[in-house]
Amino acid sequence: MNKKIVCIISLLIVILSCKNSEPEKLVERTIENSLLSKYSNSFDSLSFMSLEARMNYYKVPGLSLSIIENDDIIQSNFYGYRDLNLKFRGNVNTMFQSASTGKSLTATLVMQLVNEGLLDLDTDINQYLKTWRIPENEYNKNEIITLRMLLSHTSGLSTHGFDGYKKTDSLPNIYQILNGKPPANSSKVVSKRKPQTKWEYSGGGYQVIQLIIEDITGKPFVDVVTEKLIKPLKLTNTVWQTQLESKYHLKVSKEYHKGNEMLEGGWFNLASNGAGGGLWTTPKDLAKFIITLNKSRFKPTAISLSQEQAKEMQTKQTTNKAFGLGLFLDINDEYTAIYHPGGNMGYRTMMYYIPQTKQGIVIMANSDNAWYLIPEIMRAASYVYNWPLYKTEIKEETITSKHINEFLKDNNLKNLKSKLSAYSKNKTYKEVIYNELSDFGASQYQIWRMKEAISLFKMNNELFQDSLDTYINLGMAYRRNENYELAKEVFERGMEIDSTDEFLIEKINEMDKKIIR
């Protein structure tokens, strides 16, 4: 065969082969198809997950989010259902309870009143309180508590948060909540340690802030925050109501607990603890707020803060916690994000913003189970929009996670324990095993897989009997599973490590009441 014919045949083969094999299609990476776990073996082998699949996995009926790029809200979407039972889908104007994320707005309101000269951050709050006082005890005698301490959770006050009330429950007023008197279902707000000795989250402290605002202005808190924040920022889908007016009932998402179980009445009311968690809003409105708050560091905005005050809110106030005034801080070598999560019964929120790059995300969901879904969405945003923070960490699968994943598939606790017991004696693996048993147990606890959660927490407790947290985690898992006698027994064993731990004392008393019933 002559060389010319051979060349023509070879060329035809190449052309035909190219025609028959289509080029590989590149997947366009979006928030919806790029969810990521915390760790990956390598950057080249990232395992992307879809938002729909992960919502189904965690049993989250509905979720809404807004993406911030260069201080613009470039995307707002609602996924799933605002009412799963009736199959009603939500939209970007569907409101959720923001829970503690609303504390960032309360802190901003305080700073506005400081700007107006009505309040001072470092003055004794007793100068502002007219209708109530923090009960004097051994921890606050001869001490002063200031607004700066209340805003930064360093006041030493009690009461982490508030559970809310069914629609059929009688609602307490603000004084009944502060004093822990019926029909309030929370303990009274008191000093539990000296001011500024430790950072400890206190929803009770923000309840005191609400009363200060009402005492100093002579107006209900809701009226003041609406006048100074909600209206100036044009937050059109935001209301601050503890008992939601009927005209809003079709605009809000129902809340879900224990997977897809809707709470009685659709949602819980927040009584008079509005400043700490009574805000109903959307991701888009929260995104407007956080963008404007950051802009206030450089120029006048609708929020009406001085540049110094806006900067102070983002300045670390404590030595043992990255927290400003009403804002958590995610501090990196070069970047610091400001953020605030929120969690009421059946609702979960995350507001996260990076001032240096003007990027961020706000996520709101209608299920307790969303706590573990939200970080996966945030890592997707970090990947898709190239954030400098919240990246998936590249590291090899650990011995612990490998065996725990096997356990979650076959639930063979005996097999898992035999494998981990040997490693737990090795200093190299000890901390890894402790942390990952805690993390994996918490992930199962969050999505109400209580059998698995109890198994993992129990093993961690058996392997690390000198750790108080293992008793707390196991006891709380038994408590959620309504095994009150076992919960009390575990809490009491924890008291052998620290007989003064206030959380354990509180839980033992709570279990006694449950057992009597």
Protein backbone atom coordinates (compact mmCIF):
# COMPACT_ATOMS: atom_id res chain seq x y z
CA MET A 1 0.00 0.00 0.00
CA ASN A 2 1.45 3.36 -0.87
CA LYS A 3 2.41 5.81 1.84
CA LYS A 4 -0.14 8.42 0.72
CA ILE A 5 -3.06 5.98 1.12
CA VAL A 6 -1.76 4.88 4.55
CA CYS A 7 -1.67 8.51 5.71
CA ILE A 8 -5.23 9.13 4.46
CA ILE A 9 -6.55 6.00 6.25
CA SER A 10 -4.75 7.01 9.47
CA LEU A 11 -6.24 10.51 9.28
CA LEU A 12 -9.76 9.10 8.75
CA ILE A 13 -9.33 6.86 11.84
CA VAL A 14 -8.30 9.84 13.94
CA ILE A 15 -11.23 11.92 12.66
CA LEU A 16 -13.75 9.13 13.28
CA SER A 17 -12.41 8.42 16.75
CA CYS A 18 -12.70 12.10 17.67
CA LYS A 19 -16.23 12.19 16.33
CA ASN A 20 -17.33 9.14 18.34
CA SER A 21 -15.82 10.19 21.69
CA GLU A 22 -17.50 13.33 23.01
CA PRO A 23 -15.30 15.70 25.04
CA GLU A 24 -15.70 15.40 28.83
CA LYS A 25 -18.19 17.93 30.16
CA LEU A 26 -16.96 20.12 32.98
CA VAL A 27 -19.42 20.44 35.86
CA GLU A 28 -20.27 24.04 36.68
CA ARG A 29 -19.80 24.36 40.40
CA THR A 30 -22.67 26.05 42.25
CA ILE A 31 -23.86 26.15 45.84
CA GLU A 32 -26.46 23.53 44.94
CA ASN A 33 -23.96 20.89 43.77
CA SER A 34 -20.78 21.65 45.73
CA LEU A 35 -21.43 20.81 49.38
CA LEU A 36 -18.28 19.57 51.09
CA SER A 37 -17.38 17.72 54.25
CA LYS A 38 -14.87 19.12 56.73
CA TYR A 39 -11.97 16.93 55.57
CA SER A 40 -10.75 15.48 52.29
CA ASN A 41 -7.81 13.20 51.42
CA SER A 42 -6.60 15.61 48.73
CA PHE A 43 -7.71 18.74 46.92
CA ASP A 44 -7.86 16.75 43.67
CA SER A 45 -10.32 14.24 45.12
CA LEU A 46 -12.91 16.51 46.73
CA SER A 47 -16.21 14.67 47.13
CA PHE A 48 -18.94 17.13 46.17
CA MET A 49 -22.50 16.56 47.37
CA SER A 50 -25.80 18.06 46.25
CA LEU A 51 -27.85 20.32 48.51
CA GLU A 52 -31.00 18.31 47.80
CA ALA A 53 -29.33 15.04 48.80
CA ARG A 54 -27.92 16.49 52.01
CA MET A 55 -31.26 18.07 52.96
CA ASN A 56 -32.82 14.65 52.56
CA TYR A 57 -30.03 13.00 54.55
CA TYR A 58 -30.39 15.39 57.49
CA LYS A 59 -34.19 15.55 57.11
CA VAL A 60 -34.31 19.33 56.67
CA PRO A 61 -37.64 20.23 55.00
CA GLY A 62 -36.84 23.81 54.02
CA LEU A 63 -33.86 26.12 53.74
CA SER A 64 -33.26 29.65 52.48
CA LEU A 65 -29.98 31.45 51.78
CA SER A 66 -28.45 34.63 50.42
CA ILE A 67 -24.93 34.99 49.00
CA ILE A 68 -22.90 38.20 49.40
CA GLU A 69 -20.17 39.09 46.87
CA ASN A 70 -18.46 42.50 46.91
CA ASP A 71 -21.21 43.73 49.24
CA ASP A 72 -23.92 42.83 46.73
CA ILE A 73 -26.54 40.15 47.37
CA ILE A 74 -25.96 38.12 44.21
CA GLN A 75 -28.18 35.14 44.98
CA SER A 76 -31.21 34.43 47.17
CA ASN A 77 -33.05 31.12 47.01
CA PHE A 78 -35.47 28.97 48.98
CA TYR A 79 -35.15 25.19 48.75
CA GLY A 80 -37.78 22.68 49.82
CA TYR A 81 -40.90 23.34 51.85
CA ARG A 82 -42.02 25.94 54.36
CA ASP A 83 -44.82 23.51 55.29
CA LEU A 84 -43.90 19.89 54.66
CA ASN A 85 -47.27 18.47 55.69
CA LEU A 86 -49.20 20.57 53.18
CA LYS A 87 -46.36 20.55 50.61
CA PHE A 88 -46.27 24.36 50.53
CA ARG A 89 -43.01 25.60 49.07
CA GLY A 90 -41.35 28.74 50.38
CA ASN A 91 -39.76 31.69 48.60
CA VAL A 92 -37.08 34.28 49.36
CA ASN A 93 -39.62 36.31 51.37
CA THR A 94 -40.47 33.39 53.69
CA MET A 95 -39.57 34.34 57.26
CA PHE A 96 -37.88 32.24 59.95
CA GLN A 97 -37.13 32.83 63.61
CA SER A 98 -33.52 34.03 63.59
CA ALA A 99 -33.06 33.01 67.26
CA SER A 100 -29.80 34.30 68.77
CA THR A 101 -28.64 35.85 65.50
CA GLY A 102 -30.97 38.69 66.47
CA LYS A 103 -28.54 39.53 69.29
CA SER A 104 -26.31 41.18 66.68
CA LEU A 105 -29.14 43.59 65.88
CA THR A 106 -29.79 44.17 69.59
CA ALA A 107 -26.10 44.99 70.08
CA THR A 108 -26.27 47.41 67.15
CA LEU A 109 -29.31 49.09 68.72
CA VAL A 110 -27.37 49.54 71.98
CA MET A 111 -24.51 51.15 70.06
CA GLN A 112 -27.00 53.54 68.41
CA LEU A 113 -28.23 54.60 71.85
CA VAL A 114 -24.59 55.04 72.94
CA ASN A 115 -24.09 57.24 69.86
CA GLU A 116 -27.08 59.33 70.95
CA GLY A 117 -25.64 59.75 74.45
CA LEU A 118 -28.44 57.81 76.17
CA LEU A 119 -26.16 54.93 77.20
CA ASP A 120 -22.50 54.32 77.94
CA LEU A 121 -20.75 50.96 77.50
CA ASP A 122 -18.73 51.16 80.70
CA THR A 123 -21.21 52.62 83.18
CA ASP A 124 -22.79 50.51 85.94
CA ILE A 125 -26.09 49.24 84.48
CA ASN A 126 -27.84 49.95 87.78
CA GLN A 127 -27.76 53.59 86.72
CA TYR A 128 -30.06 52.66 83.83
CA LEU A 129 -32.28 49.99 85.39
CA LYS A 130 -35.33 51.61 86.99
CA THR A 131 -37.83 48.80 87.42
CA TRP A 132 -35.65 45.80 88.36
CA ARG A 133 -32.21 44.97 89.77
CA ILE A 134 -29.91 41.97 89.41
CA PRO A 135 -30.16 40.20 92.80
CA GLU A 136 -27.09 40.90 94.91
CA ASN A 137 -25.04 37.86 95.85
CA GLU A 138 -21.46 36.81 96.60
CA TYR A 139 -20.42 37.18 92.95
CA ASN A 140 -21.58 40.74 92.26
CA LYS A 141 -21.27 42.35 95.67
CA ASN A 142 -18.91 45.31 95.36
CA GLU A 143 -18.71 44.68 91.60
CA ILE A 144 -20.23 46.57 88.70
CA ILE A 145 -21.76 45.07 85.58
CA THR A 146 -21.68 47.12 82.38
CA LEU A 147 -23.31 47.03 78.97
CA ARG A 148 -19.96 46.07 77.45
CA MET A 149 -19.97 42.97 79.65
CA LEU A 150 -23.57 42.11 78.78
CA LEU A 151 -22.94 42.52 75.04
CA SER A 152 -19.76 40.41 75.14
CA HIS A 153 -21.11 37.66 77.46
CA THR A 154 -18.57 38.43 80.20
CA SER A 155 -21.01 39.72 82.85
CA GLY A 156 -21.10 36.46 84.79
CA LEU A 157 -24.90 36.27 84.45
CA SER A 158 -26.79 32.99 84.18
CA THR A 159 -29.41 31.56 81.81
CA HIS A 160 -27.84 30.40 78.56
CA GLY A 161 -31.06 30.58 76.54
CA PHE A 162 -34.84 30.21 76.46
CA ASP A 163 -36.93 27.30 75.21
CA GLY A 164 -39.99 29.19 74.02
CA TYR A 165 -43.65 28.43 74.65
CA LYS A 166 -46.39 26.51 72.89
CA LYS A 167 -49.18 28.60 71.43
CA THR A 168 -51.51 27.29 74.14
CA ASP A 169 -49.15 28.28 76.97
CA SER A 170 -49.59 31.36 79.11
CA LEU A 171 -46.76 33.78 78.39
CA PRO A 172 -44.67 35.45 81.10
CA ASN A 173 -43.79 39.13 81.11
CA ILE A 174 -40.22 40.35 81.22
CA TYR A 175 -40.09 40.51 85.03
CA GLN A 176 -41.37 36.95 85.43
CA ILE A 177 -38.66 35.79 83.03
CA LEU A 178 -35.92 37.69 84.85
CA ASN A 179 -37.12 36.38 88.22
CA GLY A 180 -37.77 32.83 86.98
CA LYS A 181 -41.40 32.99 88.16
CA PRO A 182 -44.34 31.10 86.55
CA PRO A 183 -45.41 30.98 83.85
CA ALA A 184 -41.73 31.44 82.85
CA ASN A 185 -40.10 28.07 82.06
CA SER A 186 -36.53 29.33 82.59
CA SER A 187 -34.47 29.87 85.71
CA LYS A 188 -34.03 33.36 87.18
CA VAL A 189 -31.25 35.56 85.89
CA VAL A 190 -28.55 35.89 88.56
CA SER A 191 -24.80 36.32 88.83
CA LYS A 192 -23.12 32.91 88.76
CA ARG A 193 -19.52 34.19 88.80
CA LYS A 194 -17.68 37.48 89.13
CA PRO A 195 -17.87 39.78 86.10
CA GLN A 196 -15.10 39.46 83.50
CA THR A 197 -13.67 36.24 84.95
CA LYS A 198 -14.86 34.05 82.07
CA TRP A 199 -16.66 34.24 78.73
CA GLU A 200 -19.95 32.37 79.02
CA TYR A 201 -22.93 32.78 76.73
CA SER A 202 -25.86 34.39 78.53
CA GLY A 203 -29.23 34.90 76.90
CA GLY A 204 -30.27 36.21 80.30
CA GLY A 205 -27.82 39.07 79.87
CA TYR A 206 -29.55 40.15 76.67
CA GLN A 207 -32.87 40.01 78.49
CA VAL A 208 -31.41 42.57 80.91
CA ILE A 209 -30.31 44.66 77.91
CA GLN A 210 -33.90 44.68 76.68
CA LEU A 211 -35.12 46.02 80.01
CA ILE A 212 -32.41 48.69 80.04
CA ILE A 213 -33.54 49.88 76.60
CA GLU A 214 -37.17 49.98 77.72
CA ASP A 215 -36.36 51.75 81.01
CA ILE A 216 -34.13 54.37 79.41
CA THR A 217 -36.37 55.17 76.41
CA GLY A 218 -39.76 54.63 78.05
CA LYS A 219 -40.84 52.61 75.00
CA PRO A 220 -41.30 48.88 74.31
CA PHE A 221 -38.13 47.27 72.92
CA VAL A 222 -39.97 46.28 69.73
CA ASP A 223 -40.92 49.89 68.98
CA VAL A 224 -37.36 51.12 69.49
CA VAL A 225 -35.70 48.47 67.30
CA THR A 226 -38.33 48.95 64.57
CA GLU A 227 -37.83 52.72 64.58
CA LYS A 228 -34.02 52.68 64.62
CA LEU A 229 -33.10 49.57 62.63
CA ILE A 230 -35.87 47.77 60.77
CA LYS A 231 -37.40 50.84 59.07
CA PRO A 232 -34.15 52.73 58.25
CA LEU A 233 -32.64 49.57 56.70
CA LYS A 234 -35.88 48.87 54.80
CA LEU A 235 -36.00 45.29 56.07
CA THR A 236 -39.33 44.61 54.39
CA ASN A 237 -39.65 41.01 55.53
CA THR A 238 -38.61 41.48 59.13
CA VAL A 239 -40.72 41.80 62.27
CA TRP A 240 -39.74 41.61 65.93
CA GLN A 241 -42.70 39.92 67.57
CA THR A 242 -42.85 37.37 70.36
CA GLN A 243 -46.40 36.42 69.38
CA LEU A 244 -46.64 36.59 65.62
CA GLU A 245 -49.66 38.47 64.28
CA SER A 246 -52.03 36.36 62.18
CA LYS A 247 -51.34 38.43 59.05
CA TYR A 248 -47.83 36.92 58.98
CA HIS A 249 -48.82 33.29 59.51
CA LEU A 250 -48.74 32.42 55.80
CA LYS A 251 -45.39 34.17 55.35
CA VAL A 252 -43.40 32.08 57.83
CA SER A 253 -41.88 28.65 57.70
CA LYS A 254 -43.14 26.00 60.10
CA GLU A 255 -40.49 24.52 62.41
CA TYR A 256 -39.50 20.87 62.56
CA HIS A 257 -38.04 18.83 65.37
CA LYS A 258 -36.65 15.27 65.54
CA GLY A 259 -36.35 15.12 61.78
CA ASN A 260 -39.60 15.89 59.99
CA GLU A 261 -41.86 16.18 63.05
CA MET A 262 -43.62 19.56 63.02
CA LEU A 263 -43.89 21.30 66.36
CA GLU A 264 -47.36 21.68 67.82
CA GLY A 265 -48.98 24.79 66.36
CA GLY A 266 -46.24 25.23 63.75
CA TRP A 267 -43.80 27.17 65.96
CA PHE A 268 -43.10 28.22 69.54
CA ASN A 269 -43.61 31.76 70.85
CA LEU A 270 -40.76 33.59 72.53
CA ALA A 271 -42.70 35.47 75.22
CA SER A 272 -40.92 38.64 76.35
CA ASN A 273 -37.38 37.56 75.56
CA GLY A 274 -37.45 39.41 72.25
CA ALA A 275 -34.00 41.01 72.44
CA GLY A 276 -32.37 37.60 72.72
CA GLY A 277 -34.25 35.69 70.06
CA GLY A 278 -37.64 37.05 69.00
CA LEU A 279 -36.70 38.26 65.51
CA TRP A 280 -38.56 36.92 62.45
CA THR A 281 -36.68 37.64 59.23
CA THR A 282 -35.16 36.34 55.99
CA PRO A 283 -31.58 35.67 54.85
CA LYS A 284 -31.86 38.57 52.41
CA ASP A 285 -32.79 41.05 55.15
CA LEU A 286 -30.02 39.78 57.44
CA ALA A 287 -27.58 40.13 54.54
CA LYS A 288 -28.67 43.77 54.11
CA PHE A 289 -28.06 44.33 57.81
CA ILE A 290 -24.55 42.81 57.99
CA ILE A 291 -23.41 44.60 54.80
CA THR A 292 -24.61 47.97 56.13
CA LEU A 293 -23.11 47.35 59.57
CA ASN A 294 -19.69 46.75 58.04
CA LYS A 295 -19.98 49.82 55.78
CA SER A 296 -20.57 51.87 58.95
CA ARG A 297 -16.88 51.38 59.78
CA PHE A 298 -15.99 53.70 56.89
CA LYS A 299 -18.88 56.08 56.28
CA PRO A 300 -22.33 57.15 57.56
CA THR A 301 -25.09 54.63 56.82
CA ALA A 302 -28.75 54.09 57.65
CA ILE A 303 -27.65 52.44 60.91
CA SER A 304 -26.39 55.77 62.32
CA LEU A 305 -23.25 54.62 64.11
CA SER A 306 -19.93 56.38 64.37
CA GLN A 307 -17.05 54.64 62.59
CA GLU A 308 -15.39 54.01 65.96
CA GLN A 309 -18.49 52.30 67.35
CA ALA A 310 -18.87 50.08 64.29
CA LYS A 311 -15.22 49.08 64.58
CA GLU A 312 -15.60 48.43 68.32
CA MET A 313 -18.33 45.88 67.62
CA GLN A 314 -15.82 43.88 65.56
CA THR A 315 -13.03 44.18 68.14
CA LYS A 316 -12.25 41.21 70.39
CA GLN A 317 -13.45 41.99 73.92
CA THR A 318 -12.29 38.92 75.82
CA THR A 319 -9.10 36.93 76.29
CA ASN A 320 -10.64 33.45 76.24
CA LYS A 321 -13.12 33.80 73.38
CA ALA A 322 -13.11 35.41 69.95
CA PHE A 323 -16.13 37.64 70.55
CA GLY A 324 -16.80 41.33 69.97
CA LEU A 325 -19.96 43.21 70.89
CA GLY A 326 -22.85 41.05 69.73
CA LEU A 327 -20.66 39.32 67.15
CA PHE A 328 -18.53 36.18 67.12
CA LEU A 329 -15.14 36.54 65.40
CA ASP A 330 -13.54 33.91 63.16
CA ILE A 331 -9.92 35.03 63.40
CA ASN A 332 -7.36 33.87 60.85
CA ASP A 333 -3.78 35.07 60.25
CA GLU A 334 -4.88 37.54 57.58
CA TYR A 335 -8.68 37.64 57.78
CA THR A 336 -11.33 37.97 60.46
CA ALA A 337 -14.94 37.05 59.74
CA ILE A 338 -17.84 38.31 61.82
CA TYR A 339 -20.74 35.98 62.40
CA HIS A 340 -23.57 34.89 64.65
CA PRO A 341 -25.42 31.56 64.68
CA GLY A 342 -28.93 31.12 66.02
CA GLY A 343 -30.98 28.18 67.20
CA ASN A 344 -34.53 28.12 68.53
CA MET A 345 -36.63 24.98 68.70
CA GLY A 346 -37.02 23.94 65.06
CA TYR A 347 -35.06 26.83 63.52
CA ARG A 348 -31.38 27.25 62.68
CA THR A 349 -29.56 30.36 61.38
CA MET A 350 -26.05 31.34 60.36
CA MET A 351 -24.98 34.88 59.40
CA TYR A 352 -21.34 34.92 58.24
CA TYR A 353 -19.42 37.80 56.63
CA ILE A 354 -15.76 38.50 55.78
CA PRO A 355 -15.20 42.29 55.94
CA GLN A 356 -11.86 42.31 54.08
CA THR A 357 -13.24 40.56 50.99
CA LYS A 358 -16.87 41.76 51.32
CA GLN A 359 -18.11 38.18 50.98
CA GLY A 360 -20.57 36.24 53.08
CA ILE A 361 -23.62 34.06 53.40
CA VAL A 362 -26.80 33.95 55.45
CA ILE A 363 -28.55 30.60 55.86
CA MET A 364 -31.87 29.93 57.61
CA ALA A 365 -33.50 26.50 57.96
CA ASN A 366 -36.66 25.09 59.51
CA SER A 367 -35.19 22.07 61.29
CA ASP A 368 -33.03 21.34 64.34
CA ASN A 369 -31.05 18.99 62.09
CA ALA A 370 -29.63 21.83 60.01
CA TRP A 371 -26.68 22.44 62.39
CA TYR A 372 -24.59 19.89 60.47
CA LEU A 373 -25.92 20.85 57.04
CA ILE A 374 -25.05 24.54 57.40
CA PRO A 375 -21.23 24.05 57.57
CA GLU A 376 -21.37 21.89 54.42
CA ILE A 377 -23.17 24.74 52.60
CA MET A 378 -20.63 27.26 53.90
CA ARG A 379 -17.75 25.15 52.60
CA ALA A 380 -19.55 25.05 49.23
CA ALA A 381 -19.74 28.85 49.23
CA SER A 382 -16.06 29.05 50.16
CA TYR A 383 -15.15 26.78 47.25
CA VAL A 384 -17.44 28.32 44.61
CA TYR A 385 -16.67 31.96 45.51
CA ASN A 386 -13.07 31.44 46.61
CA TRP A 387 -13.35 32.64 50.19
CA PRO A 388 -10.09 32.89 52.15
CA LEU A 389 -11.83 31.17 55.10
CA TYR A 390 -14.01 28.12 55.79
CA LYS A 391 -12.11 25.77 53.49
CA THR A 392 -12.28 21.99 53.48
CA GLU A 393 -9.20 20.74 55.33
CA ILE A 394 -6.93 18.39 53.41
CA LYS A 395 -5.76 15.48 55.53
CA GLU A 396 -5.71 11.72 55.34
CA GLU A 397 -8.56 9.73 56.83
CA THR A 398 -7.74 8.98 60.45
CA ILE A 399 -7.82 5.57 62.04
CA THR A 400 -10.72 6.71 64.19
CA SER A 401 -12.94 8.09 61.43
CA LYS A 402 -12.36 4.97 59.31
CA HIS A 403 -13.55 2.66 62.08
CA ILE A 404 -16.39 4.98 63.16
CA ASN A 405 -17.72 5.10 59.61
CA GLU A 406 -17.65 1.29 59.57
CA PHE A 407 -19.56 1.31 62.86
CA LEU A 408 -22.22 3.65 61.51
CA LYS A 409 -22.78 1.19 58.66
CA ASP A 410 -23.00 -2.04 60.69
CA ASN A 411 -23.61 -0.67 64.26
CA ASN A 412 -21.15 -3.23 65.66
CA LEU A 413 -20.16 -1.49 68.87
CA LYS A 414 -18.07 -4.39 70.19
CA ASN A 415 -15.98 -4.41 67.02
CA LEU A 416 -15.43 -0.62 67.17
CA LYS A 417 -14.43 -0.69 70.83
CA SER A 418 -11.88 -3.45 70.34
CA LYS A 419 -10.27 -1.50 67.49
CA LEU A 420 -10.15 1.85 69.29
CA SER A 421 -9.16 0.63 72.76
CA ALA A 422 -5.66 -0.26 71.60
CA TYR A 423 -5.18 3.03 69.80
CA SER A 424 -6.45 5.07 72.77
CA LYS A 425 -3.39 4.03 74.77
CA ASN A 426 -1.13 5.60 72.15
CA LYS A 427 -0.45 9.31 72.75
CA THR A 428 -0.36 9.92 69.01
CA TYR A 429 -3.97 8.79 68.57
CA LYS A 430 -5.47 9.61 71.97
CA GLU A 431 -6.59 13.17 71.26
CA VAL A 432 -7.79 12.29 67.76
CA ILE A 433 -9.96 9.46 69.09
CA TYR A 434 -11.42 11.64 71.85
CA ASN A 435 -12.29 14.50 69.47
CA GLU A 436 -13.70 12.35 66.70
CA LEU A 437 -15.83 10.20 68.99
CA SER A 438 -17.23 13.48 70.37
CA ASP A 439 -17.80 14.97 66.91
CA PHE A 440 -19.34 11.84 65.39
CA GLY A 441 -21.52 11.35 68.45
CA ALA A 442 -22.70 14.95 68.23
CA SER A 443 -23.52 14.54 64.53
CA GLN A 444 -25.76 11.54 65.32
CA TYR A 445 -27.30 13.36 68.31
CA GLN A 446 -28.17 16.33 66.11
CA ILE A 447 -30.12 14.25 63.59
CA TRP A 448 -31.86 12.19 66.29
CA ARG A 449 -30.02 8.93 65.66
CA MET A 450 -29.98 8.38 69.37
CA LYS A 451 -28.89 4.73 69.42
CA GLU A 452 -25.71 5.58 67.52
CA ALA A 453 -25.12 8.79 69.51
CA ILE A 454 -25.42 7.00 72.85
CA SER A 455 -23.08 4.23 71.66
CA LEU A 456 -20.39 6.70 70.58
CA PHE A 457 -20.70 8.90 73.67
CA LYS A 458 -20.68 5.83 75.91
CA MET A 459 -17.49 4.54 74.35
CA ASN A 460 -15.81 7.93 74.68
CA ASN A 461 -16.81 7.98 78.34
CA GLU A 462 -15.38 4.49 78.91
CA LEU A 463 -12.11 5.31 77.14
CA PHE A 464 -11.68 8.75 78.74
CA GLN A 465 -13.19 8.53 82.21
CA ASP A 466 -11.27 11.55 83.47
CA SER A 467 -12.99 13.91 81.00
CA LEU A 468 -16.01 15.76 82.38
CA ASP A 469 -17.36 16.45 78.87
CA THR A 470 -17.81 12.73 78.17
CA TYR A 471 -20.23 12.49 81.12
CA ILE A 472 -22.11 15.60 80.00
CA ASN A 473 -22.43 14.35 76.40
CA LEU A 474 -23.58 10.88 77.42
CA GLY A 475 -25.98 12.23 80.04
CA MET A 476 -27.54 14.66 77.56
CA ALA A 477 -28.01 11.85 75.03
CA TYR A 478 -29.80 9.72 77.63
CA ARG A 479 -31.88 12.78 78.56
CA ARG A 480 -32.97 13.38 74.98
CA ASN A 481 -33.82 9.69 74.67
CA GLU A 482 -35.94 10.06 77.84
CA ASN A 483 -33.76 7.60 79.79
CA TYR A 484 -33.90 9.91 82.80
CA GLU A 485 -32.61 7.44 85.41
CA LEU A 486 -29.53 6.65 83.30
CA ALA A 487 -29.01 10.36 82.57
CA LYS A 488 -29.05 11.15 86.28
CA GLU A 489 -26.62 8.32 87.02
CA VAL A 490 -24.16 9.61 84.41
CA PHE A 491 -24.44 13.22 85.60
CA GLU A 492 -23.79 12.07 89.17
CA ARG A 493 -20.67 10.21 88.07
CA GLY A 494 -19.53 13.43 86.41
CA MET A 495 -19.91 15.18 89.78
CA GLU A 496 -17.11 12.94 91.11
CA ILE A 497 -14.78 14.85 88.80
CA ASP A 498 -16.17 18.31 89.59
CA SER A 499 -18.66 18.51 92.44
CA THR A 500 -19.18 22.26 91.85
CA ASP A 501 -20.15 22.09 88.17
CA GLU A 502 -23.34 24.16 87.93
CA PHE A 503 -24.54 22.54 84.71
CA LEU A 504 -24.42 19.05 86.22
CA ILE A 505 -26.19 20.22 89.38
CA GLU A 506 -28.92 21.80 87.27
CA LYS A 507 -29.36 18.65 85.16
CA ILE A 508 -29.48 16.32 88.16
CA ASN A 509 -32.26 18.44 89.67
CA GLU A 510 -34.06 18.42 86.32
CA MET A 511 -33.79 14.60 86.09
CA ASP A 512 -35.19 14.25 89.63
CA LYS A 513 -38.29 16.18 88.55
CA LYS A 514 -38.63 14.08 85.38
CA ILE A 515 -38.34 10.82 87.33
CA ILE A 516 -40.96 11.89 89.90
CA ARG A 517 -43.43 12.65 87.11
